[in-house]
Protein backbone atom coordinates (compact mmCIF):
# COMPACT_ATOMS: atom_id res chain seq x y z
CA UNK A 1 0.00 0.00 0.00
CA UNK A 2 1.27 3.45 -0.89
CA UNK A 3 1.88 5.87 1.98
CA UNK A 4 2.54 9.58 1.84
CA UNK A 5 5.29 11.38 3.74
CA UNK A 6 6.13 14.98 4.46
CA UNK A 7 9.49 15.47 2.80
CA UNK A 8 11.74 18.50 2.96
CA UNK A 9 14.25 19.41 0.29
CA UNK A 10 17.17 21.60 1.32
CA UNK A 11 19.26 23.16 -1.42
CA UNK A 12 22.75 24.38 -0.57
CA UNK A 13 24.88 26.61 -2.79
CA UNK A 14 27.49 23.85 -3.09
CA UNK A 15 24.92 21.19 -4.04
CA UNK A 16 23.63 22.82 -7.22
CA UNK A 17 20.28 21.38 -8.27
CA UNK A 18 20.64 18.28 -6.08
CA UNK A 19 18.72 18.68 -2.83
CA UNK A 20 19.43 17.18 0.52
CA UNK A 21 16.31 15.12 1.32
CA UNK A 22 14.89 15.19 4.85
CA UNK A 23 12.09 12.77 5.67
CA UNK A 24 9.79 12.98 8.67
CA UNK A 25 9.14 9.26 9.23
CA UNK A 26 6.69 10.09 12.02
CA UNK A 27 4.44 11.98 9.58
CA UNK A 28 3.02 9.16 7.48
CA UNK A 29 -0.41 9.36 5.85
CA UNK A 30 -2.69 6.93 4.04
CA UNK A 31 -3.91 9.45 1.46
CA UNK A 32 -2.51 12.46 -0.35
CA UNK A 33 -5.36 14.76 0.79
CA UNK A 34 -4.66 13.93 4.45
CA UNK A 35 -0.96 14.65 3.97
CA UNK A 36 -1.63 17.86 2.07
CA UNK A 37 -4.14 19.07 4.66
CA UNK A 38 -1.66 18.48 7.48
CA UNK A 39 1.08 20.22 5.52
CA UNK A 40 -1.13 23.24 4.78
CA UNK A 41 -2.09 23.56 8.46
CA UNK A 42 1.45 23.25 9.82
CA UNK A 43 3.65 24.55 6.99
CA UNK A 44 4.88 27.67 8.88
CA UNK A 45 5.98 25.61 11.89
CA UNK A 46 7.58 22.92 9.74
CA UNK A 47 9.38 25.53 7.62
CA UNK A 48 10.68 27.34 10.70
CA UNK A 49 11.90 24.11 12.28
CA UNK A 50 13.58 23.06 9.04
CA UNK A 51 15.44 26.36 8.67
CA UNK A 52 16.59 26.30 12.30
CA UNK A 53 17.82 22.70 12.12
CA UNK A 54 19.47 22.88 8.69
CA UNK A 55 21.01 26.33 8.61
CA UNK A 56 22.89 27.54 5.60
CA UNK A 57 20.41 26.34 3.02
CA UNK A 58 19.73 28.63 0.08
CA UNK A 59 16.27 27.24 -0.59
CA UNK A 60 13.84 25.04 1.34
CA UNK A 61 10.84 23.16 0.00
CA UNK A 62 8.36 20.94 1.86
CA UNK A 63 6.03 18.58 0.00
CA UNK A 64 3.90 15.48 0.36
CA UNK A 65 5.52 12.61 -1.53
CA UNK A 66 4.25 9.07 -2.03
CA UNK A 67 6.44 6.17 -0.95
CA UNK A 68 7.05 4.93 -4.51
CA UNK A 69 8.26 8.32 -5.75
CA UNK A 70 10.27 8.83 -2.58
CA UNK A 71 12.04 5.51 -3.09
CA UNK A 72 13.00 6.51 -6.66
CA UNK A 73 14.24 9.91 -5.47
CA UNK A 74 16.33 8.32 -2.74
CA UNK A 75 18.05 6.13 -5.32
CA UNK A 76 18.56 9.01 -7.75
CA UNK A 77 19.99 11.45 -5.21
CA UNK A 78 21.93 8.89 -3.14
CA UNK A 79 19.92 9.52 -0.01
CA UNK A 80 21.23 8.07 3.26
CA UNK A 81 18.97 8.05 6.33
CA UNK A 82 19.83 10.55 9.04
CA UNK A 83 19.35 9.31 12.57
CA UNK A 84 18.68 12.77 14.02
CA UNK A 85 16.18 14.01 11.45
């Protein structure tokens, strides 16, 4: 079954167009509308937390991403899980 996650993309000047992917494993949803609704309600807080935790980013983006797409992105960008995220 496909799940949806809130995923943050942090772009650094040295990384070019390749983002650093940050996944909130504790925010997992069964449908896209549930994920999107949560994200819309809490975007300011999530954005603020992201910028405080990962300083130095040039651009930050937060989106709902399905597990299948997320898996492909992890392979493409060489994602490695972060224990403290």
